[in-house]
Amino acid sequence: MGPFRIPPFTTFHTSPLRVVPKKDPSEFRLIHHLSSPKGHSVNDGISDYCSSVKYVSVSDAITAIEAIGDGCF
């Protein structure tokens, strides 16, 4: 359904979909833009706490290995 001139529901959120070509002209990639429109997107409803990623450092890995000690695999 759609496009809608007026949202059909009070809490209606939708995101653009499009297809873009890959390097191989016979292949395509689906793009689901969850950050659009700015300020009213699906992603705007997700807190920074729930959407952030923090990778461990090599130093963190070394600390864990040292804590486990001999036999650490």
N, C-alpha and C. Protein backbone atom coordinates (compact mmCIF):
# COMPACT_ATOMS: atom_id res chain seq x y z
N MET A 1 0.85 -1.18 0.00
CA MET A 1 0.00 0.00 0.00
C MET A 1 0.89 1.24 0.00
N GLY A 2 0.29 2.33 -0.27
CA GLY A 2 1.01 3.59 -0.24
C GLY A 2 1.49 3.97 -1.63
N PRO A 3 2.16 5.06 -1.81
CA PRO A 3 2.57 6.01 -0.77
C PRO A 3 1.39 6.75 -0.15
N PHE A 4 1.59 7.21 1.07
CA PHE A 4 0.55 7.90 1.82
C PHE A 4 0.83 9.38 1.89
N ARG A 5 -0.17 10.21 1.65
CA ARG A 5 -0.01 11.66 1.83
C ARG A 5 -0.04 11.98 3.32
N ILE A 6 -0.87 11.25 4.06
CA ILE A 6 -1.00 11.40 5.51
C ILE A 6 -0.79 10.01 6.11
N PRO A 7 0.02 9.87 7.17
CA PRO A 7 0.23 8.55 7.77
C PRO A 7 -1.11 7.90 8.15
N PRO A 8 -1.30 6.63 7.83
CA PRO A 8 -2.57 5.97 8.12
C PRO A 8 -2.77 5.64 9.60
N PHE A 9 -1.71 5.72 10.40
CA PHE A 9 -1.79 5.45 11.84
C PHE A 9 -1.02 6.53 12.57
N THR A 10 -1.35 6.78 13.83
CA THR A 10 -0.65 7.83 14.58
C THR A 10 0.80 7.47 14.86
N THR A 11 1.12 6.20 15.00
CA THR A 11 2.50 5.79 15.27
C THR A 11 3.10 5.08 14.06
N PHE A 12 2.77 5.53 12.89
CA PHE A 12 3.21 4.90 11.64
C PHE A 12 4.64 5.28 11.31
N HIS A 13 5.51 4.29 11.11
CA HIS A 13 6.88 4.51 10.68
C HIS A 13 7.15 3.59 9.51
N THR A 14 7.76 4.11 8.49
CA THR A 14 8.13 3.29 7.34
C THR A 14 9.50 3.75 6.86
N SER A 15 10.16 2.90 6.13
CA SER A 15 11.50 3.21 5.65
C SER A 15 11.57 2.95 4.16
N PRO A 16 12.35 3.77 3.43
CA PRO A 16 12.48 3.56 2.00
C PRO A 16 13.19 2.25 1.69
N LEU A 17 12.73 1.61 0.64
CA LEU A 17 13.38 0.42 0.09
C LEU A 17 13.82 0.75 -1.32
N ARG A 18 14.99 0.27 -1.69
CA ARG A 18 15.40 0.42 -3.08
C ARG A 18 16.39 -0.67 -3.42
N VAL A 19 16.62 -0.85 -4.68
CA VAL A 19 17.56 -1.85 -5.16
C VAL A 19 18.66 -1.12 -5.91
N VAL A 20 19.91 -1.46 -5.59
CA VAL A 20 21.05 -0.85 -6.27
C VAL A 20 21.90 -1.95 -6.89
N PRO A 21 22.53 -1.67 -8.04
CA PRO A 21 23.34 -2.69 -8.69
C PRO A 21 24.64 -2.95 -7.92
N LYS A 22 25.07 -4.21 -7.97
CA LYS A 22 26.38 -4.58 -7.43
C LYS A 22 27.41 -4.41 -8.54
N LYS A 23 28.67 -4.79 -8.29
CA LYS A 23 29.70 -4.69 -9.33
C LYS A 23 29.33 -5.53 -10.54
N ASP A 24 28.80 -6.71 -10.29
CA ASP A 24 28.32 -7.56 -11.38
C ASP A 24 26.96 -7.01 -11.82
N PRO A 25 26.84 -6.56 -13.07
CA PRO A 25 25.59 -5.91 -13.50
C PRO A 25 24.35 -6.79 -13.42
N SER A 26 24.52 -8.09 -13.27
CA SER A 26 23.36 -8.97 -13.17
C SER A 26 22.92 -9.18 -11.71
N GLU A 27 23.64 -8.57 -10.75
CA GLU A 27 23.33 -8.74 -9.33
C GLU A 27 22.92 -7.40 -8.72
N PHE A 28 22.00 -7.49 -7.74
CA PHE A 28 21.49 -6.29 -7.09
C PHE A 28 21.48 -6.47 -5.58
N ARG A 29 21.52 -5.35 -4.88
CA ARG A 29 21.49 -5.34 -3.42
C ARG A 29 20.25 -4.56 -2.98
N LEU A 30 19.53 -5.11 -2.00
CA LEU A 30 18.37 -4.44 -1.44
C LEU A 30 18.83 -3.49 -0.33
N ILE A 31 18.44 -2.24 -0.41
CA ILE A 31 18.76 -1.25 0.60
C ILE A 31 17.48 -0.92 1.36
N HIS A 32 17.50 -1.13 2.68
CA HIS A 32 16.37 -0.82 3.55
C HIS A 32 16.85 0.27 4.49
N HIS A 33 16.55 1.51 4.18
CA HIS A 33 17.12 2.68 4.85
C HIS A 33 16.36 2.98 6.15
N LEU A 34 16.80 2.37 7.27
CA LEU A 34 16.11 2.51 8.55
C LEU A 34 16.41 3.83 9.27
N SER A 35 17.25 4.69 8.67
CA SER A 35 17.56 5.97 9.30
C SER A 35 16.84 7.13 8.61
N SER A 36 15.86 6.83 7.81
CA SER A 36 15.13 7.86 7.10
C SER A 36 13.64 7.75 7.41
N PRO A 37 12.97 8.87 7.57
CA PRO A 37 13.42 10.26 7.53
C PRO A 37 14.04 10.68 8.87
N LYS A 38 15.01 11.55 8.81
CA LYS A 38 15.74 12.00 10.00
C LYS A 38 14.76 12.56 11.03
N GLY A 39 14.87 12.06 12.26
CA GLY A 39 14.02 12.52 13.34
C GLY A 39 12.72 11.73 13.49
N HIS A 40 12.37 10.94 12.50
CA HIS A 40 11.13 10.16 12.54
C HIS A 40 11.35 8.75 11.99
N SER A 41 12.56 8.27 12.03
CA SER A 41 12.88 6.97 11.42
C SER A 41 12.68 5.82 12.41
N VAL A 42 12.72 4.61 11.89
CA VAL A 42 12.67 3.42 12.74
C VAL A 42 13.85 3.44 13.71
N ASN A 43 15.04 3.78 13.22
CA ASN A 43 16.23 3.81 14.07
C ASN A 43 16.14 4.86 15.17
N ASP A 44 15.38 5.92 14.96
CA ASP A 44 15.23 6.95 16.00
C ASP A 44 14.53 6.41 17.24
N GLY A 45 13.80 5.30 17.09
CA GLY A 45 13.11 4.70 18.23
C GLY A 45 13.98 3.74 19.02
N ILE A 46 15.22 3.56 18.61
CA ILE A 46 16.15 2.65 19.29
C ILE A 46 17.16 3.49 20.06
N SER A 47 17.29 3.24 21.35
CA SER A 47 18.21 4.04 22.17
C SER A 47 19.66 3.81 21.75
N ASP A 48 20.50 4.80 22.00
CA ASP A 48 21.94 4.66 21.70
C ASP A 48 22.53 3.49 22.48
N TYR A 49 22.05 3.27 23.69
CA TYR A 49 22.56 2.18 24.52
C TYR A 49 22.33 0.83 23.84
N CYS A 50 21.17 0.65 23.24
CA CYS A 50 20.82 -0.63 22.60
C CYS A 50 21.42 -0.79 21.20
N SER A 51 21.90 0.30 20.62
CA SER A 51 22.38 0.21 19.24
C SER A 51 23.88 0.43 19.09
N SER A 52 24.58 0.67 20.18
CA SER A 52 26.01 0.91 20.07
C SER A 52 26.79 -0.40 20.17
N VAL A 53 27.94 -0.41 19.55
CA VAL A 53 28.81 -1.59 19.56
C VAL A 53 30.16 -1.16 20.11
N LYS A 54 30.68 -1.94 21.04
CA LYS A 54 32.01 -1.66 21.58
C LYS A 54 32.81 -2.95 21.47
N TYR A 55 33.88 -2.89 20.70
CA TYR A 55 34.72 -4.05 20.52
C TYR A 55 35.76 -4.12 21.63
N VAL A 56 36.12 -5.33 22.03
CA VAL A 56 37.18 -5.47 23.02
C VAL A 56 38.51 -5.18 22.36
N SER A 57 39.45 -4.76 23.16
CA SER A 57 40.78 -4.46 22.65
C SER A 57 41.68 -5.68 22.82
N VAL A 58 42.83 -5.63 22.20
CA VAL A 58 43.83 -6.68 22.36
C VAL A 58 44.24 -6.74 23.83
N SER A 59 44.33 -5.58 24.46
CA SER A 59 44.68 -5.52 25.88
C SER A 59 43.64 -6.26 26.73
N ASP A 60 42.34 -6.10 26.40
CA ASP A 60 41.28 -6.83 27.11
C ASP A 60 41.46 -8.34 26.94
N ALA A 61 41.80 -8.77 25.72
CA ALA A 61 41.99 -10.20 25.45
C ALA A 61 43.18 -10.73 26.25
N ILE A 62 44.27 -9.99 26.29
CA ILE A 62 45.45 -10.40 27.05
C ILE A 62 45.12 -10.52 28.53
N THR A 63 44.38 -9.57 29.06
CA THR A 63 43.98 -9.60 30.47
C THR A 63 43.16 -10.86 30.76
N ALA A 64 42.23 -11.21 29.87
CA ALA A 64 41.40 -12.40 30.06
C ALA A 64 42.25 -13.67 30.00
N ILE A 65 43.18 -13.73 29.06
CA ILE A 65 44.07 -14.90 28.94
C ILE A 65 44.92 -15.04 30.19
N GLU A 66 45.48 -13.94 30.68
CA GLU A 66 46.30 -13.98 31.90
C GLU A 66 45.46 -14.42 33.10
N ALA A 67 44.21 -13.99 33.17
CA ALA A 67 43.34 -14.36 34.29
C ALA A 67 43.05 -15.85 34.29
N ILE A 68 42.89 -16.44 33.11
CA ILE A 68 42.62 -17.88 33.01
C ILE A 68 43.87 -18.69 33.27
N GLY A 69 44.99 -18.18 32.79
CA GLY A 69 46.27 -18.83 33.06
C GLY A 69 46.57 -20.03 32.19
N ASP A 70 47.41 -20.94 32.72
CA ASP A 70 47.83 -22.12 31.95
C ASP A 70 46.62 -22.91 31.47
N GLY A 71 46.73 -23.40 30.24
CA GLY A 71 45.66 -24.21 29.67
C GLY A 71 44.60 -23.37 28.96
N CYS A 72 44.78 -22.07 28.96
CA CYS A 72 43.81 -21.20 28.27
C CYS A 72 43.82 -21.54 26.79
N PHE A 73 42.65 -21.72 26.23
CA PHE A 73 42.57 -22.07 24.81
C PHE A 73 41.82 -20.99 24.08
